[in-house]
Amino acid sequence: MRRHIKLVGLIAVLPAVFLSSFALAQGFSVSPAEVRIDNLSPGEEAGFNLTIHNKDEAAHVFTLAAFHPRVEERRVGRAEFPDAGWVSFSHREIEVAAQSEAQIEVTVSIPSDTGWAGRDWEIWLGAALETSDLLTVELYVRLLVSTGGARKPNTGLIAGIAVGIMLLGYVAYYYFRHKARTE
């Protein structure tokens, strides 16, 4: 009998725990959920806006940071982003008024080393409600970055120069051959 009472008590407590954490998680959101930056050449930078929506009745302070997801959490074919320092935020902490939103500018800068060309990476951007509670909710934005291939030489120009040299050689050969016959 005591065992059944404990079980009923546990069943009554669990929804309260889960519902309170669900309510806390519904207090804010972050958009967009995913950002894709393609063909970012080494030495260049790209930017976008990340929006925090505070759905609560009180103002809150949010902190932002970049995180490396575990291998099994990354998209297939994506490697770990080499350096979280390549991602910068216009604000690392921002206060968002009740029932409003705030935008944070995010910049991704890839060093100019051509060794970073032709890569596909993933990093997550986390927004957390700064709180003293034991339960902290953190929402992530998936950032997918693909760098463009190494700058290739202009093959058309190289082919044109090669053809020009061959034509010049052909003309010179016939010119000197014709000159030798006339003498």
Protein backbone atom coordinates (compact mmCIF):
# COMPACT_ATOMS: atom_id res chain seq x y z
CA MET A 1 0.00 0.00 0.00
CA ARG A 2 2.80 2.40 0.89
CA ARG A 3 4.43 1.57 -2.39
CA HIS A 4 1.30 2.63 -4.30
CA ILE A 5 1.13 5.89 -2.35
CA LYS A 6 4.75 6.69 -3.27
CA LEU A 7 4.05 5.87 -6.90
CA VAL A 8 0.97 8.11 -6.95
CA GLY A 9 2.98 10.89 -5.30
CA LEU A 10 5.75 10.54 -7.87
CA ILE A 11 3.24 10.62 -10.70
CA ALA A 12 1.73 13.81 -9.25
CA VAL A 13 5.14 15.52 -8.85
CA LEU A 14 6.57 14.67 -12.29
CA PRO A 15 4.06 16.70 -14.33
CA ALA A 16 4.68 19.72 -12.10
CA VAL A 17 8.44 19.46 -12.70
CA PHE A 18 8.08 18.98 -16.45
CA LEU A 19 5.41 21.65 -16.84
CA SER A 20 7.47 24.24 -14.96
CA SER A 21 10.50 23.58 -17.15
CA PHE A 22 8.23 23.66 -20.22
CA ALA A 23 6.86 27.04 -19.13
CA LEU A 24 10.40 28.34 -18.65
CA ALA A 25 11.41 27.09 -22.08
CA GLN A 26 8.43 28.86 -23.62
CA GLY A 27 9.54 32.20 -22.12
CA PHE A 28 11.81 33.01 -25.07
CA SER A 29 12.75 31.88 -28.52
CA VAL A 30 15.57 32.48 -30.97
CA SER A 31 15.34 32.83 -34.72
CA PRO A 32 16.34 31.78 -37.25
CA ALA A 33 16.79 28.17 -36.17
CA GLU A 34 19.40 27.54 -38.85
CA VAL A 35 21.73 29.79 -40.82
CA ARG A 36 23.57 28.59 -43.92
CA ILE A 37 26.54 30.54 -45.30
CA ASP A 38 27.84 29.12 -48.58
CA ASN A 39 30.93 29.97 -50.67
CA LEU A 40 32.57 32.15 -48.04
CA SER A 41 36.11 32.51 -49.35
CA PRO A 42 39.05 32.53 -46.94
CA GLY A 43 39.84 36.12 -45.98
CA GLU A 44 36.21 37.21 -46.27
CA GLU A 45 33.44 37.65 -43.73
CA ALA A 46 29.66 37.27 -43.74
CA GLY A 47 27.05 38.51 -41.34
CA PHE A 48 23.44 37.92 -40.35
CA ASN A 49 21.01 38.92 -37.61
CA LEU A 50 19.95 36.63 -34.79
CA THR A 51 16.70 37.62 -33.03
CA ILE A 52 15.81 36.88 -29.40
CA HIS A 53 12.08 36.99 -28.65
CA ASN A 54 11.27 37.57 -24.95
CA LYS A 55 7.73 36.26 -24.45
CA ASP A 56 7.81 36.79 -20.69
CA GLU A 57 6.10 39.56 -18.70
CA ALA A 58 9.47 40.75 -17.34
CA ALA A 59 12.69 41.97 -18.93
CA HIS A 60 15.52 39.43 -19.02
CA VAL A 61 19.24 39.40 -19.74
CA PHE A 62 20.41 36.87 -22.31
CA THR A 63 23.96 35.69 -22.93
CA LEU A 64 25.26 34.50 -26.29
CA ALA A 65 28.11 32.15 -27.10
CA ALA A 66 29.33 29.77 -29.80
CA PHE A 67 29.45 26.03 -29.03
CA HIS A 68 30.95 23.02 -30.75
CA PRO A 69 28.29 20.30 -31.02
CA ARG A 70 29.22 16.67 -30.48
CA VAL A 71 30.04 14.63 -33.58
CA GLU A 72 26.75 12.74 -33.49
CA GLU A 73 24.78 16.02 -33.31
CA ARG A 74 26.38 17.57 -36.41
CA ARG A 75 24.95 17.24 -39.87
CA VAL A 76 26.44 14.49 -42.03
CA GLY A 77 29.50 15.74 -43.92
CA ARG A 78 30.09 18.67 -41.56
CA ALA A 79 33.31 18.98 -39.58
CA GLU A 80 33.80 20.83 -36.31
CA PHE A 81 34.20 24.58 -36.85
CA PRO A 82 37.97 25.16 -36.40
CA ASP A 83 37.81 28.19 -34.08
CA ALA A 84 34.80 29.61 -32.24
CA GLY A 85 36.68 32.94 -32.19
CA TRP A 86 35.89 33.31 -35.90
CA VAL A 87 32.28 33.99 -34.84
CA SER A 88 31.63 37.35 -33.18
CA PHE A 89 28.49 38.91 -31.71
CA SER A 90 27.59 42.59 -31.58
CA HIS A 91 26.55 41.87 -27.94
CA ARG A 92 27.60 38.95 -25.73
CA GLU A 93 24.91 39.96 -23.24
CA ILE A 94 21.74 41.83 -24.02
CA GLU A 95 18.70 42.85 -22.02
CA VAL A 96 15.42 42.28 -23.81
CA ALA A 97 12.33 44.09 -22.54
CA ALA A 98 9.17 42.19 -21.66
CA GLN A 99 7.09 41.04 -24.62
CA SER A 100 9.64 42.30 -27.15
CA GLU A 101 12.60 41.20 -29.22
CA ALA A 102 16.17 42.27 -29.88
CA GLN A 103 18.51 41.65 -32.78
CA ILE A 104 22.16 40.73 -32.45
CA GLU A 105 24.52 41.02 -35.39
CA VAL A 106 26.64 37.91 -35.90
CA THR A 107 29.78 38.01 -38.05
CA VAL A 108 31.71 35.00 -39.35
CA SER A 109 35.29 35.73 -40.44
CA ILE A 110 37.46 33.08 -42.07
CA PRO A 111 41.26 33.70 -42.04
CA SER A 112 42.86 34.28 -45.43
CA ASP A 113 44.85 31.01 -45.38
CA THR A 114 43.88 29.05 -48.52
CA GLY A 115 44.06 25.86 -46.45
CA TRP A 116 40.57 26.76 -45.15
CA ALA A 117 39.06 26.65 -48.66
CA GLY A 118 36.63 23.97 -49.76
CA ARG A 119 35.42 22.99 -46.27
CA ASP A 120 32.02 22.37 -44.67
CA TRP A 121 31.71 23.16 -40.95
CA GLU A 122 29.08 23.38 -38.25
CA ILE A 123 28.94 25.37 -35.02
CA TRP A 124 26.01 26.24 -32.78
CA LEU A 125 25.17 29.65 -31.39
CA GLY A 126 23.57 29.48 -27.97
CA ALA A 127 21.28 32.00 -26.31
CA ALA A 128 20.69 31.48 -22.60
CA LEU A 129 18.45 33.23 -20.15
CA GLU A 130 20.68 34.55 -17.39
CA THR A 131 19.09 33.20 -14.22
CA SER A 132 19.97 32.04 -10.74
CA ASP A 133 17.66 29.02 -11.00
CA LEU A 134 19.09 25.54 -11.09
CA LEU A 135 17.43 24.89 -14.43
CA THR A 136 18.85 26.98 -17.26
CA VAL A 137 17.30 26.85 -20.69
CA GLU A 138 19.57 27.40 -23.64
CA LEU A 139 18.38 27.56 -27.23
CA TYR A 140 20.69 26.96 -30.17
CA VAL A 141 20.94 28.24 -33.71
CA ARG A 142 22.67 25.83 -36.08
CA LEU A 143 25.30 27.68 -38.15
CA LEU A 144 26.46 25.84 -41.29
CA VAL A 145 29.44 27.41 -43.06
CA SER A 146 30.91 26.28 -46.38
CA THR A 147 34.02 27.91 -47.71
CA GLY A 148 34.51 28.39 -51.42
CA GLY A 149 37.22 26.49 -53.23
CA ALA A 150 40.71 27.86 -53.49
CA ARG A 151 40.99 30.61 -56.02
CA LYS A 152 41.85 28.89 -59.26
CA PRO A 153 43.91 30.54 -61.94
CA ASN A 154 41.99 31.80 -64.94
CA THR A 155 42.15 28.71 -67.15
CA GLY A 156 40.75 30.58 -70.14
CA LEU A 157 43.59 33.09 -70.01
CA ILE A 158 46.20 30.35 -69.65
CA ALA A 159 44.70 28.40 -72.58
CA GLY A 160 44.63 31.57 -74.70
CA ILE A 161 48.29 32.29 -73.97
CA ALA A 162 49.23 28.68 -74.85
CA VAL A 163 47.33 28.85 -78.14
CA GLY A 164 48.92 32.23 -78.91
CA ILE A 165 52.42 30.84 -78.33
CA MET A 166 51.67 27.84 -80.58
CA LEU A 167 50.35 30.11 -83.34
CA LEU A 168 53.36 32.41 -83.03
CA GLY A 169 55.66 29.37 -83.30
CA TYR A 170 53.72 28.09 -86.32
CA VAL A 171 53.94 31.49 -88.06
CA ALA A 172 57.64 31.85 -87.24
CA TYR A 173 58.38 28.35 -88.57
CA TYR A 174 56.69 29.01 -91.91
CA TYR A 175 58.16 32.49 -92.17
CA PHE A 176 61.73 31.28 -91.72
CA ARG A 177 61.10 28.24 -93.94
CA HIS A 178 59.70 30.43 -96.70
CA LYS A 179 62.61 32.89 -96.31
CA ALA A 180 65.16 30.03 -96.60
CA ARG A 181 63.54 28.81 -99.86
CA THR A 182 63.65 32.22 -101.48
CA GLU A 183 67.36 32.67 -100.87
